[in-house]
Amino acid sequence: MTLALDHNTYNQLLTKFQPKIIENEEEYEQARHLLLNLISKQDRLPEETAMVKLMATIIKDFDARQPQPEPASPQEVLLHLMSANNMKQADLVGKIGSKGVVSEIVNGKRSISKAQGKIL
């Protein structure tokens, strides 16, 4: 069911907020802030609900246009976790394999097996 909007009220909202296609992070944050304010309002008018839908669509469009990071390789994840936890290769010896196996994994010469991944 679609509610009829009061065009004067909706035009006032459009004039006040001036929604547009988001081009950068600053505009994204402004749009997000506006959306959060509208969503948190208790007794929203139908025109404000329409503005919520419009802003959500504009924000979703911006998100969809952003480049997605490449997924990290298992080796990159391992190196990150080692760094974050102040670990050295020696800390993994005996847990996932010998000194040589650990060295090969850390240096990308050997893949991490499923069993080693579960241990990590």
PDB file of N, CA and C in Angstrom:
ATOM      1  N   MET A   1       0.835  -1.167   0.000  1.00  0.00           N
ATOM      2  CA  MET A   1       0.000   0.000   0.000  1.00  0.00           C
ATOM      3  C   MET A   1       0.892   1.247   0.000  1.00  0.00           C
ATOM      4  N   THR A   2       0.641   2.137  -0.910  1.00  0.00           N
ATOM      5  CA  THR A   2       1.410   3.364  -1.023  1.00  0.00           C
ATOM      6  C   THR A   2       0.609   4.518  -0.442  1.00  0.00           C
ATOM      7  N   LEU A   3       1.223   5.252   0.462  1.00  0.00           N
ATOM      8  CA  LEU A   3       0.559   6.408   1.046  1.00  0.00           C
ATOM      9  C   LEU A   3       0.780   7.614   0.149  1.00  0.00           C
ATOM     10  N   ALA A   4      -0.245   8.440   0.045  1.00  0.00           N
ATOM     11  CA  ALA A   4      -0.117   9.670  -0.727  1.00  0.00           C
ATOM     12  C   ALA A   4       0.746  10.647   0.058  1.00  0.00           C
ATOM     13  N   LEU A   5       1.656  11.277  -0.646  1.00  0.00           N
ATOM     14  CA  LEU A   5       2.539  12.241  -0.004  1.00  0.00           C
ATOM     15  C   LEU A   5       1.984  13.645  -0.184  1.00  0.00           C
ATOM     16  N   ASP A   6       2.189  14.455   0.820  1.00  0.00           N
ATOM     17  CA  ASP A   6       1.885  15.874   0.692  1.00  0.00           C
ATOM     18  C   ASP A   6       3.060  16.485  -0.070  1.00  0.00           C
ATOM     19  N   HIS A   7       2.789  16.933  -1.283  1.00  0.00           N
ATOM     20  CA  HIS A   7       3.870  17.413  -2.150  1.00  0.00           C
ATOM     21  C   HIS A   7       4.569  18.644  -1.582  1.00  0.00           C
ATOM     22  N   ASN A   8       3.838  19.509  -0.902  1.00  0.00           N
ATOM     23  CA  ASN A   8       4.479  20.684  -0.305  1.00  0.00           C
ATOM     24  C   ASN A   8       5.466  20.265   0.780  1.00  0.00           C
ATOM     25  N   THR A   9       5.055  19.349   1.637  1.00  0.00           N
ATOM     26  CA  THR A   9       5.929  18.869   2.716  1.00  0.00           C
ATOM     27  C   THR A   9       7.147  18.159   2.136  1.00  0.00           C
ATOM     28  N   TYR A  10       6.913  17.305   1.132  1.00  0.00           N
ATOM     29  CA  TYR A  10       8.023  16.566   0.530  1.00  0.00           C
ATOM     30  C   TYR A  10       8.981  17.523  -0.180  1.00  0.00           C
ATOM     31  N   ASN A  11       8.445  18.515  -0.873  1.00  0.00           N
ATOM     32  CA  ASN A  11       9.300  19.510  -1.536  1.00  0.00           C
ATOM     33  C   ASN A  11      10.124  20.290  -0.519  1.00  0.00           C
ATOM     34  N   GLN A  12       9.548  20.578   0.643  1.00  0.00           N
ATOM     35  CA  GLN A  12      10.302  21.263   1.696  1.00  0.00           C
ATOM     36  C   GLN A  12      11.466  20.394   2.175  1.00  0.00           C
ATOM     37  N   LEU A  13      11.219  19.099   2.321  1.00  0.00           N
ATOM     38  CA  LEU A  13      12.293  18.177   2.725  1.00  0.00           C
ATOM     39  C   LEU A  13      13.379  18.106   1.655  1.00  0.00           C
ATOM     40  N   LEU A  14      12.960  18.032   0.405  1.00  0.00           N
ATOM     41  CA  LEU A  14      13.930  17.987  -0.691  1.00  0.00           C
ATOM     42  C   LEU A  14      14.771  19.259  -0.719  1.00  0.00           C
ATOM     43  N   THR A  15      14.140  20.392  -0.502  1.00  0.00           N
ATOM     44  CA  THR A  15      14.860  21.667  -0.484  1.00  0.00           C
ATOM     45  C   THR A  15      15.818  21.729   0.703  1.00  0.00           C
ATOM     46  N   LYS A  16      15.355  21.254   1.847  1.00  0.00           N
ATOM     47  CA  LYS A  16      16.182  21.288   3.059  1.00  0.00           C
ATOM     48  C   LYS A  16      17.406  20.382   2.940  1.00  0.00           C
ATOM     49  N   PHE A  17      17.205  19.146   2.491  1.00  0.00           N
ATOM     50  CA  PHE A  17      18.289  18.168   2.484  1.00  0.00           C
ATOM     51  C   PHE A  17      19.046  18.087   1.164  1.00  0.00           C
ATOM     52  N   GLN A  18      18.427  18.485   0.076  1.00  0.00           N
ATOM     53  CA  GLN A  18      19.043  18.484  -1.251  1.00  0.00           C
ATOM     54  C   GLN A  18      19.788  17.179  -1.549  1.00  0.00           C
ATOM     55  N   PRO A  19      19.077  16.062  -1.554  1.00  0.00           N
ATOM     56  CA  PRO A  19      19.741  14.779  -1.829  1.00  0.00           C
ATOM     57  C   PRO A  19      20.296  14.739  -3.246  1.00  0.00           C
ATOM     58  N   LYS A  20      21.445  14.094  -3.392  1.00  0.00           N
ATOM     59  CA  LYS A  20      22.087  13.950  -4.700  1.00  0.00           C
ATOM     60  C   LYS A  20      22.948  12.696  -4.695  1.00  0.00           C
ATOM     61  N   ILE A  21      23.413  12.323  -5.873  1.00  0.00           N
ATOM     62  CA  ILE A  21      24.314  11.180  -5.994  1.00  0.00           C
ATOM     63  C   ILE A  21      25.579  11.481  -5.191  1.00  0.00           C
ATOM     64  N   ILE A  22      25.990  10.535  -4.372  1.00  0.00           N
ATOM     65  CA  ILE A  22      27.176  10.707  -3.525  1.00  0.00           C
ATOM     66  C   ILE A  22      28.427  10.463  -4.366  1.00  0.00           C
ATOM     67  N   GLU A  23      29.371  11.407  -4.277  1.00  0.00           N
ATOM     68  CA  GLU A  23      30.601  11.324  -5.070  1.00  0.00           C
ATOM     69  C   GLU A  23      31.850  11.046  -4.244  1.00  0.00           C
ATOM     70  N   ASN A  24      31.800  11.275  -2.931  1.00  0.00           N
ATOM     71  CA  ASN A  24      33.006  11.088  -2.118  1.00  0.00           C
ATOM     72  C   ASN A  24      32.631  10.738  -0.678  1.00  0.00           C
ATOM     73  N   GLU A  25      33.642  10.457   0.118  1.00  0.00           N
ATOM     74  CA  GLU A  25      33.430  10.023   1.503  1.00  0.00           C
ATOM     75  C   GLU A  25      32.757  11.100   2.357  1.00  0.00           C
ATOM     76  N   GLU A  26      33.095  12.357   2.128  1.00  0.00           N
ATOM     77  CA  GLU A  26      32.488  13.442   2.906  1.00  0.00           C
ATOM     78  C   GLU A  26      30.980  13.493   2.660  1.00  0.00           C
ATOM     79  N   GLU A  27      30.579  13.415   1.400  1.00  0.00           N
ATOM     80  CA  GLU A  27      29.152  13.402   1.071  1.00  0.00           C
ATOM     81  C   GLU A  27      28.485  12.143   1.620  1.00  0.00           C
ATOM     82  N   TYR A  28      29.218  11.038   1.610  1.00  0.00           N
ATOM     83  CA  TYR A  28      28.699   9.786   2.161  1.00  0.00           C
ATOM     84  C   TYR A  28      28.386   9.951   3.646  1.00  0.00           C
ATOM     85  N   GLU A  29      29.318  10.530   4.383  1.00  0.00           N
ATOM     86  CA  GLU A  29      29.117  10.723   5.825  1.00  0.00           C
ATOM     87  C   GLU A  29      27.949  11.668   6.100  1.00  0.00           C
ATOM     88  N   GLN A  30      27.818  12.714   5.283  1.00  0.00           N
ATOM     89  CA  GLN A  30      26.694  13.645   5.453  1.00  0.00           C
ATOM     90  C   GLN A  30      25.369  12.928   5.209  1.00  0.00           C
ATOM     91  N   ALA A  31      25.308  12.135   4.147  1.00  0.00           N
ATOM     92  CA  ALA A  31      24.083  11.402   3.814  1.00  0.00           C
ATOM     93  C   ALA A  31      23.763  10.382   4.903  1.00  0.00           C
ATOM     94  N   ARG A  32      24.779   9.714   5.388  1.00  0.00           N
ATOM     95  CA  ARG A  32      24.599   8.720   6.450  1.00  0.00           C
ATOM     96  C   ARG A  32      24.064   9.376   7.719  1.00  0.00           C
ATOM     97  N   HIS A  33      24.625  10.529   8.057  1.00  0.00           N
ATOM     98  CA  HIS A  33      24.182  11.272   9.243  1.00  0.00           C
ATOM     99  C   HIS A  33      22.715  11.684   9.096  1.00  0.00           C
ATOM    100  N   LEU A  34      22.365  12.183   7.934  1.00  0.00           N
ATOM    101  CA  LEU A  34      20.976  12.567   7.666  1.00  0.00           C
ATOM    102  C   LEU A  34      20.050  11.361   7.806  1.00  0.00           C
ATOM    103  N   LEU A  35      20.445  10.244   7.213  1.00  0.00           N
ATOM    104  CA  LEU A  35      19.630   9.033   7.277  1.00  0.00           C
ATOM    105  C   LEU A  35      19.436   8.578   8.726  1.00  0.00           C
ATOM    106  N   LEU A  36      20.504   8.573   9.495  1.00  0.00           N
ATOM    107  CA  LEU A  36      20.401   8.154  10.901  1.00  0.00           C
ATOM    108  C   LEU A  36      19.472   9.072  11.693  1.00  0.00           C
ATOM    109  N   ASN A  37      19.539  10.368  11.418  1.00  0.00           N
ATOM    110  CA  ASN A  37      18.640  11.309  12.096  1.00  0.00           C
ATOM    111  C   ASN A  37      17.189  11.040  11.737  1.00  0.00           C
ATOM    112  N   LEU A  38      16.935  10.786  10.460  1.00  0.00           N
ATOM    113  CA  LEU A  38      15.561  10.515  10.027  1.00  0.00           C
ATOM    114  C   LEU A  38      15.048   9.197  10.602  1.00  0.00           C
ATOM    115  N   ILE A  39      15.900   8.190  10.613  1.00  0.00           N
ATOM    116  CA  ILE A  39      15.495   6.874  11.115  1.00  0.00           C
ATOM    117  C   ILE A  39      15.168   6.939  12.607  1.00  0.00           C
ATOM    118  N   SER A  40      15.925   7.734  13.346  1.00  0.00           N
ATOM    119  CA  SER A  40      15.737   7.786  14.797  1.00  0.00           C
ATOM    120  C   SER A  40      14.521   8.614  15.217  1.00  0.00           C
ATOM    121  N   LYS A  41      13.924   9.314  14.284  1.00  0.00           N
ATOM    122  CA  LYS A  41      12.753  10.137  14.602  1.00  0.00           C
ATOM    123  C   LYS A  41      11.568   9.240  14.943  1.00  0.00           C
ATOM    124  N   GLN A  42      10.891   9.538  16.039  1.00  0.00           N
ATOM    125  CA  GLN A  42       9.797   8.694  16.533  1.00  0.00           C
ATOM    126  C   GLN A  42       8.585   8.678  15.608  1.00  0.00           C
ATOM    127  N   ASP A  43       7.932   9.787  15.450  1.00  0.00           N
ATOM    128  CA  ASP A  43       6.700   9.852  14.655  1.00  0.00           C
ATOM    129  C   ASP A  43       7.003  10.480  13.299  1.00  0.00           C
ATOM    130  N   ARG A  44       7.534   9.641  12.415  1.00  0.00           N
ATOM    131  CA  ARG A  44       7.912  10.123  11.087  1.00  0.00           C
ATOM    132  C   ARG A  44       6.680  10.359  10.228  1.00  0.00           C
ATOM    133  N   LEU A  45       6.726  11.441   9.496  1.00  0.00           N
ATOM    134  CA  LEU A  45       5.693  11.710   8.500  1.00  0.00           C
ATOM    135  C   LEU A  45       5.915  10.791   7.305  1.00  0.00           C
ATOM    136  N   PRO A  46       4.891  10.521   6.513  1.00  0.00           N
ATOM    137  CA  PRO A  46       5.076   9.704   5.304  1.00  0.00           C
ATOM    138  C   PRO A  46       6.139  10.302   4.372  1.00  0.00           C
ATOM    139  N   GLU A  47       6.218  11.618   4.330  1.00  0.00           N
ATOM    140  CA  GLU A  47       7.212  12.285   3.482  1.00  0.00           C
ATOM    141  C   GLU A  47       8.625  12.029   4.003  1.00  0.00           C
ATOM    142  N   GLU A  48       8.773  11.963   5.319  1.00  0.00           N
ATOM    143  CA  GLU A  48      10.082  11.665   5.905  1.00  0.00           C
ATOM    144  C   GLU A  48      10.457  10.207   5.661  1.00  0.00           C
ATOM    145  N   THR A  49       9.477   9.328   5.682  1.00  0.00           N
ATOM    146  CA  THR A  49       9.730   7.920   5.360  1.00  0.00           C
ATOM    147  C   THR A  49      10.176   7.790   3.910  1.00  0.00           C
ATOM    148  N   ALA A  50       9.572   8.565   3.031  1.00  0.00           N
ATOM    149  CA  ALA A  50       9.992   8.570   1.623  1.00  0.00           C
ATOM    150  C   ALA A  50      11.427   9.070   1.506  1.00  0.00           C
ATOM    151  N   MET A  51      11.791  10.068   2.317  1.00  0.00           N
ATOM    152  CA  MET A  51      13.162  10.588   2.307  1.00  0.00           C
ATOM    153  C   MET A  51      14.131   9.531   2.834  1.00  0.00           C
ATOM    154  N   VAL A  52      13.726   8.756   3.831  1.00  0.00           N
ATOM    155  CA  VAL A  52      14.555   7.657   4.347  1.00  0.00           C
ATOM    156  C   VAL A  52      14.844   6.672   3.219  1.00  0.00           C
ATOM    157  N   LYS A  53      13.818   6.298   2.483  1.00  0.00           N
ATOM    158  CA  LYS A  53      13.998   5.344   1.380  1.00  0.00           C
ATOM    159  C   LYS A  53      14.917   5.915   0.307  1.00  0.00           C
ATOM    160  N   LEU A  54      14.746   7.196  -0.006  1.00  0.00           N
ATOM    161  CA  LEU A  54      15.589   7.838  -1.011  1.00  0.00           C
ATOM    162  C   LEU A  54      17.044   7.869  -0.555  1.00  0.00           C
ATOM    163  N   MET A  55      17.293   8.292   0.692  1.00  0.00           N
ATOM    164  CA  MET A  55      18.665   8.372   1.194  1.00  0.00           C
ATOM    165  C   MET A  55      19.299   6.987   1.289  1.00  0.00           C
ATOM    166  N   ALA A  56      18.526   5.995   1.701  1.00  0.00           N
ATOM    167  CA  ALA A  56      19.060   4.629   1.779  1.00  0.00           C
ATOM    168  C   ALA A  56      19.467   4.141   0.396  1.00  0.00           C
ATOM    169  N   THR A  57      18.680   4.469  -0.614  1.00  0.00           N
ATOM    170  CA  THR A  57      18.997   4.066  -1.989  1.00  0.00           C
ATOM    171  C   THR A  57      20.254   4.769  -2.483  1.00  0.00           C
ATOM    172  N   ILE A  58      20.375   6.052  -2.192  1.00  0.00           N
ATOM    173  CA  ILE A  58      21.555   6.820  -2.611  1.00  0.00           C
ATOM    174  C   ILE A  58      22.814   6.273  -1.930  1.00  0.00           C
ATOM    175  N   ILE A  59      22.717   5.968  -0.651  1.00  0.00           N
ATOM    176  CA  ILE A  59      23.862   5.424   0.094  1.00  0.00           C
ATOM    177  C   ILE A  59      24.229   4.039  -0.430  1.00  0.00           C
ATOM    178  N   LYS A  60      23.227   3.221  -0.677  1.00  0.00           N
ATOM    179  CA  LYS A  60      23.464   1.869  -1.203  1.00  0.00           C
ATOM    180  C   LYS A  60      24.149   1.939  -2.569  1.00  0.00           C
ATOM    181  N   ASP A  61      23.741   2.893  -3.400  1.00  0.00           N
ATOM    182  CA  ASP A  61      24.363   3.078  -4.714  1.00  0.00           C
ATOM    183  C   ASP A  61      25.841   3.431  -4.565  1.00  0.00           C
ATOM    184  N   PHE A  62      26.163   4.329  -3.639  1.00  0.00           N
ATOM    185  CA  PHE A  62      27.556   4.709  -3.420  1.00  0.00           C
ATOM    186  C   PHE A  62      28.371   3.503  -2.964  1.00  0.00           C
ATOM    187  N   ASP A  63      27.822   2.753  -2.011  1.00  0.00           N
ATOM    188  CA  ASP A  63      28.515   1.558  -1.516  1.00  0.00           C
ATOM    189  C   ASP A  63      28.796   0.576  -2.648  1.00  0.00           C
ATOM    190  N   ALA A  64      27.836   0.401  -3.542  1.00  0.00           N
ATOM    191  CA  ALA A  64      27.986  -0.557  -4.646  1.00  0.00           C
ATOM    192  C   ALA A  64      29.058  -0.110  -5.638  1.00  0.00           C
ATOM    193  N   ARG A  65      29.309   1.190  -5.718  1.00  0.00           N
ATOM    194  CA  ARG A  65      30.308   1.708  -6.664  1.00  0.00           C
ATOM    195  C   ARG A  65      31.723   1.724  -6.096  1.00  0.00           C
ATOM    196  N   GLN A  66      31.876   1.382  -4.831  1.00  0.00           N
ATOM    197  CA  GLN A  66      33.200   1.401  -4.215  1.00  0.00           C
ATOM    198  C   GLN A  66      33.966   0.132  -4.566  1.00  0.00           C
ATOM    199  N   PRO A  67      35.271   0.273  -4.848  1.00  0.00           N
ATOM    200  CA  PRO A  67      36.066  -0.919  -5.164  1.00  0.00           C
ATOM    201  C   PRO A  67      36.147  -1.844  -3.955  1.00  0.00           C
ATOM    202  N   GLN A  68      36.020  -3.112  -4.231  1.00  0.00           N
ATOM    203  CA  GLN A  68      36.109  -4.115  -3.172  1.00  0.00           C
ATOM    204  C   GLN A  68      37.557  -4.582  -3.060  1.00  0.00           C
ATOM    205  N   PRO A  69      38.063  -4.693  -1.845  1.00  0.00           N
ATOM    206  CA  PRO A  69      39.449  -5.150  -1.692  1.00  0.00           C
ATOM    207  C   PRO A  69      39.594  -6.603  -2.140  1.00  0.00           C
ATOM    208  N   GLU A  70      40.757  -6.896  -2.651  1.00  0.00           N
ATOM    209  CA  GLU A  70      41.061  -8.275  -3.028  1.00  0.00           C
ATOM    210  C   GLU A  70      41.112  -9.119  -1.761  1.00  0.00           C
ATOM    211  N   PRO A  71      40.574 -10.327  -1.818  1.00  0.00           N
ATOM    212  CA  PRO A  71      40.656 -11.175  -0.626  1.00  0.00           C
ATOM    213  C   PRO A  71      42.117 -11.517  -0.317  1.00  0.00           C
ATOM    214  N   ALA A  72      42.436 -11.536   0.946  1.00  0.00           N
ATOM    215  CA  ALA A  72      43.801 -11.845   1.367  1.00  0.00           C
ATOM    216  C   ALA A  72      44.065 -13.334   1.196  1.00  0.00           C
ATOM    217  N   SER A  73      45.302 -13.646   0.842  1.00  0.00           N
ATOM    218  CA  SER A  73      45.697 -15.049   0.725  1.00  0.00           C
ATOM    219  C   SER A  73      45.881 -15.615   2.130  1.00  0.00           C
ATOM    220  N   PRO A  74      45.840 -16.936   2.268  1.00  0.00           N
ATOM    221  CA  PRO A  74      46.085 -17.531   3.590  1.00  0.00           C
ATOM    222  C   PRO A  74      47.429 -17.095   4.182  1.00  0.00           C
ATOM    223  N   GLN A  75      48.448 -16.977   3.323  1.00  0.00           N
ATOM    224  CA  GLN A  75      49.759 -16.549   3.812  1.00  0.00           C
ATOM    225  C   GLN A  75      49.690 -15.116   4.342  1.00  0.00           C
ATOM    226  N   GLU A  76      48.982 -14.211   3.629  1.00  0.00           N
ATOM    227  CA  GLU A  76      48.850 -12.830   4.090  1.00  0.00           C
ATOM    228  C   GLU A  76      48.111 -12.762   5.427  1.00  0.00           C
ATOM    229  N   VAL A  77      47.085 -13.580   5.562  1.00  0.00           N
ATOM    230  CA  VAL A  77      46.338 -13.625   6.824  1.00  0.00           C
ATOM    231  C   VAL A  77      47.255 -14.104   7.948  1.00  0.00           C
ATOM    232  N   LEU A  78      48.019 -15.159   7.679  1.00  0.00           N
ATOM    233  CA  LEU A  78      48.943 -15.690   8.686  1.00  0.00           C
ATOM    234  C   LEU A  78      49.958 -14.630   9.101  1.00  0.00           C
ATOM    235  N   LEU A  79      50.556 -13.941   8.128  1.00  0.00           N
ATOM    236  CA  LEU A  79      51.545 -12.914   8.451  1.00  0.00           C
ATOM    237  C   LEU A  79      50.920 -11.784   9.268  1.00  0.00           C
ATOM    238  N   HIS A  80      49.706 -11.405   8.919  1.00  0.00           N
ATOM    239  CA  HIS A  80      49.018 -10.356   9.675  1.00  0.00           C
ATOM    240  C   HIS A  80      48.765 -10.805  11.116  1.00  0.00           C
ATOM    241  N   LEU A  81      48.264 -12.031  11.270  1.00  0.00           N
ATOM    242  CA  LEU A  81      47.984 -12.543  12.614  1.00  0.00           C
ATOM    243  C   LEU A  81      49.260 -12.677  13.440  1.00  0.00           C
ATOM    244  N   MET A  82      50.320 -13.111  12.787  1.00  0.00           N
ATOM    245  CA  MET A  82      51.596 -13.221  13.501  1.00  0.00           C
ATOM    246  C   MET A  82      52.047 -11.844  13.985  1.00  0.00           C
ATOM    247  N   SER A  83      51.945 -10.849  13.113  1.00  0.00           N
ATOM    248  CA  SER A  83      52.349  -9.494  13.474  1.00  0.00           C
ATOM    249  C   SER A  83      51.465  -8.936  14.587  1.00  0.00           C
ATOM    250  N   ALA A  84      50.155  -9.120  14.460  1.00  0.00           N
ATOM    251  CA  ALA A  84      49.212  -8.592  15.450  1.00  0.00           C
ATOM    252  C   ALA A  84      49.403  -9.225  16.820  1.00  0.00           C
ATOM    253  N   ASN A  85      49.892 -10.456  16.842  1.00  0.00           N
ATOM    254  CA  ASN A  85      50.074 -11.180  18.102  1.00  0.00           C
ATOM    255  C   ASN A  85      51.536 -11.279  18.523  1.00  0.00           C
ATOM    256  N   ASN A  86      52.397 -10.476  17.876  1.00  0.00           N
ATOM    257  CA  ASN A  86      53.833 -10.465  18.185  1.00  0.00           C
ATOM    258  C   ASN A  86      54.432 -11.862  18.172  1.00  0.00           C
ATOM    259  N   MET A  87      54.091 -12.624  17.138  1.00  0.00           N
ATOM    260  CA  MET A  87      54.603 -13.991  17.025  1.00  0.00           C
ATOM    261  C   MET A  87      55.720 -14.052  15.996  1.00  0.00           C
ATOM    262  N   LYS A  88      56.594 -15.009  16.186  1.00  0.00           N
ATOM    263  CA  LYS A  88      57.676 -15.279  15.241  1.00  0.00           C
ATOM    264  C   LYS A  88      57.455 -16.672  14.667  1.00  0.00           C
ATOM    265  N   GLN A  89      58.207 -16.977  13.618  1.00  0.00           N
ATOM    266  CA  GLN A  89      58.098 -18.306  13.009  1.00  0.00           C
ATOM    267  C   GLN A  89      58.304 -19.391  14.057  1.00  0.00           C
ATOM    268  N   ALA A  90      59.235 -19.166  14.954  1.00  0.00           N
ATOM    269  CA  ALA A  90      59.563 -20.173  15.970  1.00  0.00           C
ATOM    270  C   ALA A  90      58.351 -20.518  16.835  1.00  0.00           C
ATOM    271  N   ASP A  91      57.427 -19.571  16.985  1.00  0.00           N
ATOM    272  CA  ASP A  91      56.230 -19.826  17.793  1.00  0.00           C
ATOM    273  C   ASP A  91      55.305 -20.846  17.136  1.00  0.00           C
ATOM    274  N   LEU A  92      55.443 -21.030  15.830  1.00  0.00           N
ATOM    275  CA  LEU A  92      54.579 -21.967  15.101  1.00  0.00           C
ATOM    276  C   LEU A  92      55.202 -23.354  14.949  1.00  0.00           C
ATOM    277  N   VAL A  93      56.514 -23.429  15.166  1.00  0.00           N
ATOM    278  CA  VAL A  93      57.204 -24.717  15.035  1.00  0.00           C
ATOM    279  C   VAL A  93      56.627 -25.684  16.067  1.00  0.00           C
ATOM    280  N   GLY A  94      56.302 -26.880  15.602  1.00  0.00           N
ATOM    281  CA  GLY A  94      55.717 -27.890  16.471  1.00  0.00           C
ATOM    282  C   GLY A  94      54.201 -27.836  16.491  1.00  0.00           C
ATOM    283  N   LYS A  95      53.638 -26.688  16.148  1.00  0.00           N
ATOM    284  CA  LYS A  95      52.178 -26.570  16.114  1.00  0.00           C
ATOM    285  C   LYS A  95      51.639 -26.926  14.730  1.00  0.00           C
ATOM    286  N   ILE A  96      52.317 -26.395  13.695  1.00  0.00           N
ATOM    287  CA  ILE A  96      51.848 -26.684  12.330  1.00  0.00           C
ATOM    288  C   ILE A  96      52.887 -27.427  11.502  1.00  0.00           C
ATOM    289  N   GLY A  97      54.027 -27.687  12.084  1.00  0.00           N
ATOM    290  CA  GLY A  97      55.045 -28.431  11.360  1.00  0.00           C
ATOM    291  C   GLY A  97      56.441 -28.111  11.857  1.00  0.00           C
ATOM    292  N   SER A  98      57.401 -28.663  11.136  1.00  0.00           N
ATOM    293  CA  SER A  98      58.801 -28.457  11.502  1.00  0.00           C
ATOM    294  C   SER A  98      59.230 -27.027  11.165  1.00  0.00           C
ATOM    295  N   LYS A  99      60.455 -26.692  11.566  1.00  0.00           N
ATOM    296  CA  LYS A  99      61.009 -25.371  11.286  1.00  0.00           C
ATOM    297  C   LYS A  99      61.016 -25.104   9.783  1.00  0.00           C
ATOM    298  N   GLY A 100      61.380 -26.116   9.006  1.00  0.00           N
ATOM    299  CA  GLY A 100      61.431 -25.963   7.552  1.00  0.00           C
ATOM    300  C   GLY A 100      60.050 -25.746   6.946  1.00  0.00           C
ATOM    301  N   VAL A 101      59.064 -26.511   7.429  1.00  0.00           N
ATOM    302  CA  VAL A 101      57.689 -26.379   6.923  1.00  0.00           C
ATOM    303  C   VAL A 101      57.150 -24.989   7.257  1.00  0.00           C
ATOM    304  N   VAL A 102      57.352 -24.549   8.485  1.00  0.00           N
ATOM    305  CA  VAL A 102      56.882 -23.221   8.898  1.00  0.00           C
ATOM    306  C   VAL A 102      57.538 -22.146   8.040  1.00  0.00           C
ATOM    307  N   SER A 103      58.831 -22.267   7.805  1.00  0.00           N
ATOM    308  CA  SER A 103      59.553 -21.301   6.979  1.00  0.00           C
ATOM    309  C   SER A 103      58.978 -21.255   5.566  1.00  0.00           C
ATOM    310  N   GLU A 104      58.708 -22.423   4.984  1.00  0.00           N
ATOM    311  CA  GLU A 104      58.141 -22.468   3.632  1.00  0.00           C
ATOM    312  C   GLU A 104      56.748 -21.839   3.587  1.00  0.00           C
ATOM    313  N   ILE A 105      55.941 -22.076   4.609  1.00  0.00           N
ATOM    314  CA  ILE A 105      54.590 -21.493   4.655  1.00  0.00           C
ATOM    315  C   ILE A 105      54.681 -19.975   4.768  1.00  0.00           C
ATOM    316  N   VAL A 106      55.493 -19.496   5.697  1.00  0.00           N
ATOM    317  CA  VAL A 106      55.619 -18.053   5.925  1.00  0.00           C
ATOM    318  C   VAL A 106      56.173 -17.348   4.689  1.00  0.00           C
ATOM    319  N   ASN A 107      57.060 -18.005   3.969  1.00  0.00           N
ATOM    320  CA  ASN A 107      57.666 -17.405   2.778  1.00  0.00           C
ATOM    321  C   ASN A 107      56.876 -17.666   1.501  1.00  0.00           C
ATOM    322  N   GLY A 108      55.727 -18.293   1.620  1.00  0.00           N
ATOM    323  CA  GLY A 108      54.858 -18.495   0.464  1.00  0.00           C
ATOM    324  C   GLY A 108      55.274 -19.609  -0.467  1.00  0.00           C
ATOM    325  N   LYS A 109      56.183 -20.456  -0.040  1.00  0.00           N
ATOM    326  CA  LYS A 109      56.637 -21.564  -0.883  1.00  0.00           C
ATOM    327  C   LYS A 109      55.769 -22.801  -0.699  1.00  0.00           C
ATOM    328  N   ARG A 110      54.968 -22.799   0.357  1.00  0.00           N
ATOM    329  CA  ARG A 110      54.091 -23.929   0.647  1.00  0.00           C
ATOM    330  C   ARG A 110      52.752 -23.369   1.104  1.00  0.00           C
ATOM    331  N   SER A 111      51.693 -24.039   0.692  1.00  0.00           N
ATOM    332  CA  SER A 111      50.347 -23.624   1.100  1.00  0.00           C
ATOM    333  C   SER A 111      50.032 -24.146   2.496  1.00  0.00           C
ATOM    334  N   ILE A 112      49.111 -23.470   3.131  1.00  0.00           N
ATOM    335  CA  ILE A 112      48.624 -23.920   4.435  1.00  0.00           C
ATOM    336  C   ILE A 112      47.571 -24.990   4.184  1.00  0.00           C
ATOM    337  N   SER A 113      47.752 -26.154   4.798  1.00  0.00           N
ATOM    338  CA  SER A 113      46.774 -27.234   4.627  1.00  0.00           C
ATOM    339  C   SER A 113      45.531 -26.945   5.472  1.00  0.00           C
ATOM    340  N   LYS A 114      44.460 -27.692   5.205  1.00  0.00           N
ATOM    341  CA  LYS A 114      43.236 -27.532   6.003  1.00  0.00           C
ATOM    342  C   LYS A 114      43.517 -27.829   7.473  1.00  0.00           C
ATOM    343  N   ALA A 115      44.276 -28.879   7.723  1.00  0.00           N
ATOM    344  CA  ALA A 115      44.591 -29.254   9.106  1.00  0.00           C
ATOM    345  C   ALA A 115      45.387 -28.141   9.794  1.00  0.00           C
ATOM    346  N   GLN A 116      46.368 -27.575   9.078  1.00  0.00           N
ATOM    347  CA  GLN A 116      47.153 -26.485   9.655  1.00  0.00           C
ATOM    348  C   GLN A 116      46.281 -25.246   9.873  1.00  0.00           C
ATOM    349  N   GLY A 117      45.385 -24.992   8.935  1.00  0.00           N
ATOM    350  CA  GLY A 117      44.474 -23.854   9.061  1.00  0.00           C
ATOM    351  C   GLY A 117      43.595 -23.965  10.285  1.00  0.00           C
ATOM    352  N   LYS A 118      43.119 -25.175  10.567  1.00  0.00           N
ATOM    353  CA  LYS A 118      42.282 -25.385  11.756  1.00  0.00           C
ATOM    354  C   LYS A 118      43.080 -25.141  13.030  1.00  0.00           C
ATOM    355  N   ILE A 119      44.334 -25.557  13.025  1.00  0.00           N
ATOM    356  CA  ILE A 119      45.197 -25.353  14.191  1.00  0.00           C
ATOM    357  C   ILE A 119      45.436 -23.859  14.415  1.00  0.00           C
ATOM    358  N   LEU A 120      45.648 -23.165  13.313  1.00  0.00           N
ATOM    359  CA  LEU A 120      45.923 -21.724  13.419  1.00  0.00           C
ATOM    360  C   LEU A 120      44.689 -20.979  13.853  1.00  0.00           C
TER     361      LEU A 120
END
